[in-house]
Protein backbone atom coordinates (compact mmCIF):
# COMPACT_ATOMS: atom_id res chain seq x y z
CA MET A 1 -6.40 19.09 -4.75
CA ALA A 2 -6.74 21.37 -7.78
CA GLU A 3 -5.04 24.24 -5.96
CA GLN A 4 -1.84 22.17 -5.69
CA GLU A 5 -1.47 21.58 -9.42
CA GLY A 6 0.47 24.78 -10.00
CA ASN A 7 2.96 23.99 -7.23
CA GLY A 8 5.13 21.76 -9.40
CA GLU A 9 7.75 19.81 -7.44
CA ASP A 10 6.55 21.00 -3.99
CA GLY A 11 2.98 19.95 -4.72
CA ALA A 12 4.15 16.55 -5.91
CA VAL A 13 6.27 16.04 -2.79
CA ALA A 14 3.36 17.08 -0.57
CA GLU A 15 1.10 14.56 -2.33
CA ILE A 16 3.69 11.79 -1.96
CA GLU A 17 4.20 12.58 1.74
CA LYS A 18 0.43 12.51 2.27
CA LYS A 19 0.23 9.02 0.65
CA ILE A 20 3.12 7.77 2.82
CA ILE A 21 1.56 9.14 6.01
CA GLU A 22 -1.81 7.56 5.15
CA ALA A 23 -0.15 4.17 4.47
CA PHE A 24 1.92 4.45 7.68
CA GLU A 25 -1.14 5.29 9.80
CA VAL A 26 -2.89 2.06 8.74
CA PHE A 27 -0.17 0.15 10.64
CA ASP A 28 0.23 2.65 13.52
CA HIS A 29 -1.95 0.66 15.91
CA GLU A 30 -0.98 2.74 18.97
CA CYS A 31 -1.56 6.05 17.10
CA ASN A 32 1.82 7.29 18.34
CA LYS A 33 3.55 7.82 14.98
CA THR A 34 5.43 4.51 15.22
CA VAL A 35 4.99 1.10 13.62
CA ASP A 36 6.49 -2.29 14.31
CA VAL A 37 9.60 -2.71 12.14
CA ARG A 38 8.07 -5.92 10.73
CA GLU A 39 5.25 -3.84 9.17
CA ILE A 40 7.60 -1.73 7.02
CA GLY A 41 7.59 -4.24 4.13
CA SER A 42 3.78 -4.15 4.03
CA ILE A 43 3.76 -0.34 4.10
CA VAL A 44 6.34 -0.12 1.30
CA ARG A 45 4.41 -2.64 -0.83
CA SER A 46 1.11 -0.83 -0.20
CA LEU A 47 2.77 2.21 -1.81
CA GLY A 48 3.41 0.25 -5.03
CA CYS A 49 7.07 -0.56 -4.35
CA PHE A 50 8.35 -4.11 -4.39
CA PRO A 51 11.86 -4.33 -2.92
CA THR A 52 13.71 -7.59 -2.38
CA GLU A 53 14.38 -8.56 1.24
CA ALA A 54 17.96 -7.23 0.83
CA GLU A 55 16.67 -3.89 -0.49
CA LEU A 56 14.18 -3.73 2.38
CA HIS A 57 17.02 -4.25 4.89
CA GLU A 58 18.98 -1.42 3.19
CA LEU A 59 15.93 0.83 3.44
CA LEU A 60 15.54 0.01 7.14
CA ALA A 61 19.23 0.70 7.72
CA LYS A 62 18.75 4.20 6.25
CA VAL A 63 15.68 4.80 8.41
CA GLU A 64 17.39 3.57 11.61
CA GLU A 65 20.73 5.26 10.84
CA GLU A 66 21.04 7.51 13.88
CA GLU A 67 19.12 5.61 16.50
CA GLU A 68 19.26 2.39 18.43
CA PRO A 69 17.06 -0.29 16.84
CA THR A 70 14.02 -0.58 19.11
CA GLY A 71 11.81 -2.76 16.95
CA TYR A 72 9.73 0.30 16.08
CA ILE A 73 10.07 2.80 13.27
CA HIS A 74 9.14 6.45 13.73
CA LEU A 75 7.20 8.26 11.02
CA GLU A 76 9.61 11.24 11.10
CA LYS A 77 12.52 8.92 10.20
CA PHE A 78 10.57 6.87 7.65
CA LEU A 79 8.92 9.76 5.78
CA PRO A 80 12.02 11.39 4.17
CA VAL A 81 13.55 8.02 3.18
CA MET A 82 10.31 6.73 1.67
CA THR A 83 9.61 10.06 -0.08
CA LYS A 84 12.98 9.77 -1.81
CA VAL A 85 12.21 6.14 -2.81
CA LEU A 86 8.93 7.20 -4.42
CA LEU A 87 10.42 10.27 -6.12
CA ASN A 88 13.23 8.14 -7.58
CA ARG A 89 10.71 5.44 -8.57
CA SER A 90 12.81 2.80 -6.84
CA TYR A 91 11.64 -0.80 -6.39
CA ARG A 92 9.22 -0.82 -9.33
CA PRO A 93 7.06 -3.88 -9.79
CA ILE A 94 8.24 -6.63 -12.12
CA PRO A 95 6.57 -6.38 -15.56
CA GLU A 96 3.65 -8.72 -16.22
CA ASP A 97 5.39 -10.61 -19.04
CA VAL A 98 8.40 -11.37 -16.81
CA LEU A 99 6.11 -12.73 -14.07
CA LEU A 100 4.24 -14.86 -16.60
CA HIS A 101 7.51 -16.25 -17.99
CA ALA A 102 8.65 -17.14 -14.45
CA PHE A 103 5.41 -19.01 -13.66
CA GLU A 104 5.50 -20.79 -17.02
CA ALA A 105 9.05 -21.97 -16.28
CA LEU A 106 7.79 -23.54 -13.04
CA ASP A 107 4.80 -25.11 -14.80
CA GLU A 108 6.60 -28.17 -16.18
CA ASN A 109 3.41 -29.72 -17.62
CA LYS A 110 2.34 -26.43 -19.26
CA CYS A 111 -1.17 -26.75 -17.85
CA GLY A 112 -1.68 -23.10 -16.81
CA TYR A 113 -1.61 -23.73 -13.08
CA LEU A 114 0.61 -24.89 -10.25
CA THR A 115 -0.54 -27.08 -7.38
CA LYS A 116 -0.24 -25.71 -3.87
CA ASP A 117 2.57 -28.19 -3.12
CA GLU A 118 4.52 -27.21 -6.26
CA LEU A 119 4.19 -23.51 -5.47
CA VAL A 120 5.21 -23.91 -1.82
CA LYS A 121 8.21 -26.04 -2.84
CA HIS A 122 9.43 -23.47 -5.39
CA MET A 123 8.81 -20.44 -3.18
CA THR A 124 10.32 -21.79 0.02
CA GLU A 125 13.24 -23.90 -1.24
CA GLU A 126 14.71 -21.93 -4.14
CA GLY A 127 16.15 -18.44 -4.70
CA GLU A 128 15.30 -15.98 -1.94
CA PRO A 129 12.93 -18.23 0.05
CA PHE A 130 9.57 -16.95 1.24
CA THR A 131 8.98 -16.89 4.98
CA GLU A 132 6.04 -18.90 6.28
CA GLU A 133 4.11 -15.62 6.73
CA GLU A 134 4.85 -14.50 3.13
CA MET A 135 3.82 -17.93 1.83
CA GLU A 136 0.52 -17.82 3.75
CA GLU A 137 -0.15 -14.30 2.46
CA MET A 138 0.47 -15.39 -1.14
CA LEU A 139 -1.65 -18.52 -0.83
CA SER A 140 -4.53 -16.61 0.75
CA SER A 141 -4.88 -14.51 -2.40
CA ALA A 142 -3.56 -16.90 -5.08
CA LEU A 143 -4.92 -20.32 -4.21
CA ASP A 144 -8.22 -21.58 -5.60
CA PRO A 145 -9.60 -23.38 -2.51
CA GLU A 146 -11.78 -25.75 -4.57
CA THR A 147 -8.97 -27.12 -6.73
CA ASN A 148 -6.01 -26.35 -4.41
CA THR A 149 -4.19 -24.85 -7.40
CA VAL A 150 -2.94 -21.44 -8.47
CA HIS A 151 -4.08 -20.37 -11.93
CA TYR A 152 -1.14 -18.07 -12.38
CA ARG A 153 -2.48 -15.95 -15.27
CA ASP A 154 -5.42 -14.90 -13.05
CA TYR A 155 -3.10 -14.35 -10.10
CA ILE A 156 -0.71 -12.19 -12.14
CA SER A 157 -3.50 -9.98 -13.47
CA MET A 158 -4.70 -9.52 -9.87
CA MET A 159 -1.15 -8.64 -8.71
CA ILE A 160 -0.32 -6.10 -11.38
CA VAL A 161 -0.19 -2.60 -9.94
CA ASP A 162 -1.32 0.17 -12.20
CA GLU A 163 1.19 3.00 -12.37
CA PRO A 164 0.07 5.69 -9.93
CA GLU A 165 -1.08 8.59 -12.08
CA ASP A 166 -0.32 11.25 -9.53
CA LEU A 167 3.37 10.53 -9.01
CA PRO A 168 5.77 12.82 -10.87
CA GLN A 169 7.12 11.28 -14.07
């Protein structure tokens, strides 16, 4: 890695592309440089980007621009689009204090947690609703199985993504 430090922009782009390829390969179950289109959101999030569903659809539209949608995304189409996203620092995570404020607004009794039912109701019936799959994914990491509640301060600290040190500033 040390030999790339003097390469400036090119070295940074090479590092970013390497990260994208590694993330992509995790979901490339057939090892044929393609992934199911439904995996793109997971890949993008694993790279520290948190687009809304609308932004994710825009991203997919850019990736699929010149080909018929097949349900699969090719690495060669995804790589340049995602490299640009990371270089431009698009889709940054929401700051911790904003997340905390949002959870506190939902916590009407100000008790520091939400019940599973409260959380599911808020996340599936208001705003941009979570899909069943997204809800299950959130509950699997957020829910305390013994109390059936989400202690949101603990959940937020677990969710916060540290800024990647090796991305260009």
